[in-house]
Amino acid sequence: MKKIKFLLLAAVAVMMSATSYAADADFPARPDTAIFVHDFAGMLKADQVKAMDDSLRAFSKRTTNQIMVITVKDLGDYDPKMYAAELGDRWGVGQKKLDNGMIILIKPKTNDSKGQFALCPGRGLNGALPDVACKRIVDGKAIPELKKGDYDAAVWAVLKTVMPICAGEISAEDAMKKKSSGGDGNGWMWFVGIFGAIVGGVAYSNNRAKKKQALREATETPEERAARLAAAEQRKKELEEERKKREAERAIAGAAAAAKGVFKSAREKQEEEERRKRANAEKFGGGTFDGGGASSEW
């Protein structure tokens, strides 16, 4: 009897271990450094990945909110929103106790499966971005671009909407109204009117100046004309000399910067990069997610 119980317990332990391993295998390992864009599925353009990462890094420094863009080839058996929440928890995206992280998750469309897009805010951002707002952002901003096959545009459209909301600069409701309405029609009319008035004023002023110049030239003596042309030529030379001086100063500054970069040893650069990585790594960890947000497929 004891032997049977032992075998049953062993079998259960093996099953639990296999399940845990399978779950772990569904998720990429937590990065060592604070990189904000992880294109595991190879969906995004390299220059856009850098631009997004730079933008989100600056946003994190300014607001402490941490938004991560992550693409994966497969979600396993997970719902997109729950996969994003689980990944956010495993990585600890967001500041500890503030829980101000956010995951933007994309799984590409394939011949065998539909594409999936999820927007999942951490616990601390649920108030600013409730589920209904996340759904409107996903369906209104991401899905139209994804249907065109433009993954980069989909991510940027969502980022430009959620970043001001996370920073507290605008509410989710006002952001969607602003984006959907295209602004106040009366405001547009005022802009057109002011722009027209400025153009008209500039044209009128230029016309008067031309008439005065023509009148002066018609009544000036040969000596006055010669003096005017000489002064204009002298001013032209002075401006050219100033331009050349500025170009020379820029060239000297550029050469000095280049020389400084050349003489900086490879070891110094490596040490600097390691310091940067360690500093970034310390800023991550502690954020939690509760499965809020929204997802859609295309």
Protein backbone atom coordinates (compact mmCIF):
# COMPACT_ATOMS: atom_id res chain seq x y z
CA MET A 1 0.00 0.00 0.00
CA LYS A 2 2.81 2.38 0.92
CA LYS A 3 4.54 1.56 -2.34
CA ILE A 4 1.40 2.43 -4.32
CA LYS A 5 1.03 5.77 -2.49
CA PHE A 6 4.68 6.56 -3.17
CA LEU A 7 4.25 5.81 -6.87
CA LEU A 8 1.12 8.00 -7.05
CA LEU A 9 2.89 10.90 -5.34
CA ALA A 10 5.85 10.51 -7.64
CA ALA A 11 3.57 10.55 -10.68
CA VAL A 12 1.82 13.70 -9.47
CA ALA A 13 5.18 15.39 -8.84
CA VAL A 14 6.37 14.52 -12.35
CA MET A 15 3.14 15.88 -13.85
CA MET A 16 3.38 19.11 -11.88
CA SER A 17 7.01 19.53 -12.87
CA ALA A 18 6.18 18.95 -16.54
CA THR A 19 3.32 21.47 -16.38
CA SER A 20 5.57 24.07 -14.74
CA TYR A 21 8.27 23.50 -17.36
CA ALA A 22 5.74 23.85 -20.17
CA ALA A 23 4.47 27.11 -18.67
CA ASP A 24 8.00 28.47 -18.30
CA ALA A 25 8.80 27.46 -21.87
CA ASP A 26 5.91 29.61 -23.12
CA PHE A 27 7.55 32.79 -21.82
CA PRO A 28 10.87 34.42 -22.76
CA ALA A 29 13.37 34.86 -19.93
CA ARG A 30 13.50 38.18 -18.10
CA PRO A 31 16.08 40.46 -19.76
CA ASP A 32 19.18 41.51 -17.85
CA THR A 33 18.85 45.13 -18.91
CA ALA A 34 16.00 47.60 -19.16
CA ILE A 35 15.23 47.28 -22.86
CA PHE A 36 11.75 48.55 -23.65
CA VAL A 37 11.19 46.86 -27.03
CA HIS A 38 11.67 43.09 -27.45
CA ASP A 39 10.93 41.93 -31.00
CA PHE A 40 11.16 38.16 -30.45
CA ALA A 41 8.95 37.52 -33.50
CA GLY A 42 11.04 39.73 -35.81
CA MET A 43 8.03 41.82 -36.85
CA LEU A 44 9.35 45.37 -36.44
CA LYS A 45 11.86 47.35 -38.49
CA ALA A 46 15.26 47.75 -36.80
CA ASP A 47 15.27 51.54 -37.00
CA GLN A 48 11.74 51.66 -35.57
CA VAL A 49 12.72 49.36 -32.69
CA LYS A 50 15.49 51.78 -31.74
CA ALA A 51 13.23 54.82 -32.09
CA MET A 52 10.53 53.19 -29.94
CA ASP A 53 13.05 52.10 -27.31
CA ASP A 54 14.59 55.58 -27.14
CA SER A 55 11.14 57.16 -26.82
CA LEU A 56 10.00 54.76 -24.09
CA ARG A 57 13.29 55.10 -22.20
CA ALA A 58 12.93 58.88 -22.15
CA PHE A 59 9.28 58.52 -21.15
CA SER A 60 10.25 56.24 -18.25
CA LYS A 61 12.84 58.73 -17.00
CA ARG A 62 10.31 61.56 -17.20
CA THR A 63 7.31 59.81 -15.64
CA THR A 64 8.68 56.56 -14.01
CA ASN A 65 6.02 54.63 -16.01
CA GLN A 66 7.49 51.65 -17.85
CA ILE A 67 5.84 50.64 -21.13
CA MET A 68 7.19 47.56 -22.89
CA VAL A 69 6.52 46.50 -26.47
CA ILE A 70 6.92 42.74 -26.93
CA THR A 71 6.33 40.54 -29.97
CA VAL A 72 6.22 36.74 -29.70
CA LYS A 73 5.77 34.01 -32.27
CA ASP A 74 3.32 31.97 -30.20
CA LEU A 75 1.11 32.40 -27.13
CA GLY A 76 0.86 28.72 -26.26
CA ASP A 77 -2.58 28.06 -24.76
CA TYR A 78 -2.86 31.53 -23.25
CA ASP A 79 -5.39 34.25 -23.95
CA PRO A 80 -3.42 37.28 -25.29
CA LYS A 81 -4.36 39.56 -22.40
CA MET A 82 -3.53 36.95 -19.77
CA TYR A 83 -0.24 36.13 -21.52
CA ALA A 84 0.70 39.82 -21.39
CA ALA A 85 -0.24 40.05 -17.70
CA GLU A 86 1.71 36.90 -16.83
CA LEU A 87 4.75 38.14 -18.73
CA GLY A 88 4.52 41.53 -17.02
CA ASP A 89 4.42 39.80 -13.62
CA ARG A 90 7.33 37.50 -14.45
CA TRP A 91 9.48 40.39 -15.64
CA GLY A 92 8.30 42.81 -12.95
CA VAL A 93 7.58 45.59 -15.44
CA GLY A 94 6.86 48.81 -13.55
CA GLN A 95 8.08 50.31 -10.31
CA LYS A 96 7.63 48.36 -7.10
CA LYS A 97 4.54 49.45 -5.11
CA LEU A 98 3.55 51.81 -7.95
CA ASP A 99 2.77 48.97 -10.38
CA ASN A 100 3.00 51.51 -13.20
CA GLY A 101 4.03 49.16 -15.99
CA MET A 102 2.31 48.34 -19.26
CA ILE A 103 2.71 45.57 -21.82
CA ILE A 104 1.92 46.02 -25.50
CA LEU A 105 1.92 42.50 -26.93
CA ILE A 106 1.74 41.37 -30.56
CA LYS A 107 1.61 37.88 -32.03
CA PRO A 108 1.84 37.94 -35.83
CA LYS A 109 -0.79 36.58 -38.17
CA THR A 110 0.24 33.30 -39.83
CA ASN A 111 -1.25 30.88 -42.33
CA ASP A 112 -2.51 28.77 -39.43
CA SER A 113 -3.58 31.41 -36.91
CA LYS A 114 -4.95 34.91 -36.58
CA GLY A 115 -2.85 37.79 -35.34
CA GLN A 116 -3.28 38.91 -31.73
CA PHE A 117 -2.75 42.33 -30.15
CA ALA A 118 -3.06 43.00 -26.40
CA LEU A 119 -2.78 46.15 -24.29
CA CYS A 120 -2.27 45.30 -20.61
CA PRO A 121 -1.67 48.01 -17.96
CA GLY A 122 -0.28 47.22 -14.52
CA ARG A 123 -2.38 47.50 -11.39
CA GLY A 124 -1.35 51.12 -10.84
CA LEU A 125 -2.51 52.23 -14.30
CA ASN A 126 -5.89 50.50 -14.33
CA GLY A 127 -7.59 53.64 -13.07
CA ALA A 128 -6.24 55.76 -15.92
CA LEU A 129 -6.77 53.02 -18.50
CA PRO A 130 -9.81 50.87 -17.63
CA ASP A 131 -10.61 47.84 -19.75
CA VAL A 132 -13.18 49.67 -21.90
CA ALA A 133 -10.65 52.39 -22.79
CA CYS A 134 -8.00 49.77 -23.62
CA LYS A 135 -10.47 48.01 -25.92
CA ARG A 136 -11.28 51.22 -27.77
CA ILE A 137 -7.58 51.99 -28.20
CA VAL A 138 -6.75 48.49 -29.47
CA ASP A 139 -9.68 48.35 -31.90
CA GLY A 140 -9.46 51.99 -32.97
CA LYS A 141 -5.70 52.49 -33.22
CA ALA A 142 -3.88 49.17 -33.57
CA ILE A 143 -6.19 46.89 -35.56
CA PRO A 144 -6.67 49.21 -38.60
CA GLU A 145 -2.89 49.45 -39.06
CA LEU A 146 -2.38 45.74 -38.43
CA LYS A 147 -4.92 44.88 -41.12
CA LYS A 148 -2.70 46.86 -43.51
CA GLY A 149 0.28 44.81 -42.37
CA ASP A 150 2.03 47.82 -40.79
CA TYR A 151 3.14 46.59 -37.36
CA ASP A 152 5.31 49.65 -36.66
CA ALA A 153 2.45 52.07 -37.35
CA ALA A 154 0.15 50.03 -35.08
CA VAL A 155 2.57 50.27 -32.16
CA TRP A 156 3.20 53.99 -32.67
CA ALA A 157 -0.52 54.72 -32.90
CA VAL A 158 -1.10 53.04 -29.54
CA LEU A 159 1.95 54.62 -27.91
CA LYS A 160 0.95 58.13 -28.98
CA THR A 161 -2.44 57.55 -27.38
CA VAL A 162 -1.47 55.83 -24.11
CA MET A 163 1.68 57.78 -23.20
CA PRO A 164 -0.11 61.09 -22.47
CA ILE A 165 -2.75 59.15 -20.53
CA CYS A 166 -0.16 57.34 -18.40
CA ALA A 167 1.61 60.65 -17.77
CA GLY A 168 -1.63 62.18 -16.50
CA GLU A 169 -1.61 64.82 -19.24
CA ILE A 170 -5.01 63.80 -20.59
CA SER A 171 -7.76 61.35 -19.66
CA ALA A 172 -8.47 58.25 -21.72
CA GLU A 173 -11.93 59.58 -22.58
CA ASP A 174 -10.61 62.95 -23.73
CA ALA A 175 -7.82 61.29 -25.72
CA MET A 176 -10.29 59.16 -27.68
CA LYS A 177 -12.63 62.12 -28.26
CA LYS A 178 -9.74 64.22 -29.51
CA LYS A 179 -8.49 61.51 -31.84
CA SER A 180 -11.90 60.53 -33.18
CA SER A 181 -13.33 64.01 -33.70
CA GLY A 182 -10.22 65.42 -35.32
CA GLY A 183 -10.46 68.58 -33.18
CA ASP A 184 -12.97 71.42 -32.95
CA GLY A 185 -14.32 72.63 -36.27
CA ASN A 186 -14.52 76.23 -35.05
CA GLY A 187 -10.88 76.03 -33.98
CA TRP A 188 -9.96 75.00 -37.50
CA MET A 189 -11.88 77.98 -38.93
CA TRP A 190 -10.04 80.34 -36.59
CA PHE A 191 -6.72 78.86 -37.66
CA VAL A 192 -7.52 79.34 -41.35
CA GLY A 193 -8.62 82.91 -40.71
CA ILE A 194 -5.51 83.83 -38.75
CA PHE A 195 -3.22 82.15 -41.28
CA GLY A 196 -4.94 84.03 -44.13
CA ALA A 197 -4.58 87.34 -42.30
CA ILE A 198 -0.86 86.75 -41.72
CA VAL A 199 -0.26 85.83 -45.37
CA GLY A 200 -2.20 88.86 -46.54
CA GLY A 201 -0.32 91.18 -44.19
CA VAL A 202 3.06 89.88 -45.32
CA ALA A 203 2.11 90.27 -48.98
CA TYR A 204 0.89 93.83 -48.41
CA SER A 205 4.07 94.77 -46.52
CA ASN A 206 6.29 93.30 -49.25
CA ASN A 207 4.36 95.16 -51.95
CA ARG A 208 4.78 98.49 -50.14
CA ALA A 209 8.50 97.88 -49.64
CA LYS A 210 8.95 97.13 -53.35
CA LYS A 211 7.15 100.33 -54.33
CA LYS A 212 9.32 102.43 -51.98
CA GLN A 213 12.45 100.80 -53.32
CA ALA A 214 11.40 101.45 -56.91
CA LEU A 215 10.67 105.09 -56.08
CA ARG A 216 14.06 105.60 -54.44
CA GLU A 217 15.87 104.01 -57.39
CA ALA A 218 13.97 106.19 -59.87
CA THR A 219 14.87 109.46 -58.10
CA GLU A 220 18.43 108.74 -56.92
CA THR A 221 21.48 110.38 -58.53
CA PRO A 222 24.24 108.31 -60.20
CA GLU A 223 26.45 108.96 -57.15
CA GLU A 224 23.72 107.74 -54.75
CA ARG A 225 23.15 104.65 -56.88
CA ALA A 226 26.85 103.82 -56.90
CA ALA A 227 27.05 104.26 -53.12
CA ARG A 228 23.97 102.04 -52.57
CA LEU A 229 25.33 99.25 -54.75
CA ALA A 230 28.73 99.44 -53.07
CA ALA A 231 27.11 99.19 -49.62
CA ALA A 232 25.04 96.20 -50.76
CA GLU A 233 28.14 94.48 -52.12
CA GLN A 234 30.05 95.13 -48.90
CA ARG A 235 27.19 93.69 -46.81
CA LYS A 236 27.13 90.63 -49.05
CA LYS A 237 30.85 90.06 -48.46
CA GLU A 238 30.42 90.46 -44.69
CA LEU A 239 27.62 87.89 -44.61
CA GLU A 240 29.70 85.46 -46.64
CA GLU A 241 32.65 85.88 -44.28
CA GLU A 242 30.38 85.24 -41.27
CA ARG A 243 29.03 82.09 -42.94
CA LYS A 244 32.53 80.76 -43.61
CA LYS A 245 33.56 81.52 -40.04
CA ARG A 246 30.61 79.57 -38.62
CA GLU A 247 31.34 76.62 -40.91
CA ALA A 248 34.99 76.59 -39.82
CA GLU A 249 33.99 76.65 -36.14
CA ARG A 250 31.59 73.74 -36.67
CA ALA A 251 34.27 71.79 -38.54
CA ILE A 252 36.78 72.32 -35.70
CA ALA A 253 34.22 71.25 -33.10
CA GLY A 254 33.32 68.16 -35.12
CA ALA A 255 36.97 67.21 -35.56
CA ALA A 256 37.59 67.60 -31.83
CA ALA A 257 34.60 65.40 -30.99
CA ALA A 258 35.71 62.79 -33.52
CA ALA A 259 39.25 62.79 -32.13
CA LYS A 260 37.92 62.34 -28.61
CA GLY A 261 35.88 59.35 -29.77
CA VAL A 262 38.83 57.80 -31.59
CA PHE A 263 41.13 58.05 -28.57
CA LYS A 264 38.56 56.57 -26.23
CA SER A 265 39.71 53.01 -25.71
CA ALA A 266 37.56 50.00 -26.42
CA ARG A 267 37.87 49.02 -22.76
CA GLU A 268 36.47 52.37 -21.62
CA LYS A 269 33.54 51.99 -23.99
CA GLN A 270 32.87 48.48 -22.74
CA GLU A 271 33.03 49.60 -19.10
CA GLU A 272 30.67 52.47 -19.85
CA GLU A 273 28.22 50.10 -21.53
CA GLU A 274 28.35 47.71 -18.58
CA ARG A 275 27.65 50.58 -16.16
CA ARG A 276 24.70 51.64 -18.28
CA LYS A 277 23.30 48.11 -18.33
CA ARG A 278 23.65 47.71 -14.57
CA ALA A 279 21.96 51.05 -13.96
CA ASN A 280 19.09 50.13 -16.27
CA ALA A 281 18.68 46.68 -14.75
CA GLU A 282 18.32 48.18 -11.27
CA LYS A 283 15.38 50.28 -12.45
CA PHE A 284 13.29 47.25 -13.38
CA GLY A 285 11.47 44.82 -11.18
CA GLY A 286 8.54 44.85 -8.80
CA GLY A 287 5.57 45.84 -10.94
CA THR A 288 2.49 43.59 -10.81
CA PHE A 289 -0.44 42.97 -13.17
CA ASP A 290 -3.96 41.72 -12.53
CA GLY A 291 -5.06 40.79 -16.05
CA GLY A 292 -6.77 44.09 -16.88
CA GLY A 293 -6.67 45.57 -20.37
CA ALA A 294 -7.96 44.36 -23.71
CA SER A 295 -7.04 42.33 -26.78
CA SER A 296 -8.27 41.83 -30.32
CA GLU A 297 -7.42 39.68 -33.31
CA TRP A 298 -7.17 40.36 -37.01
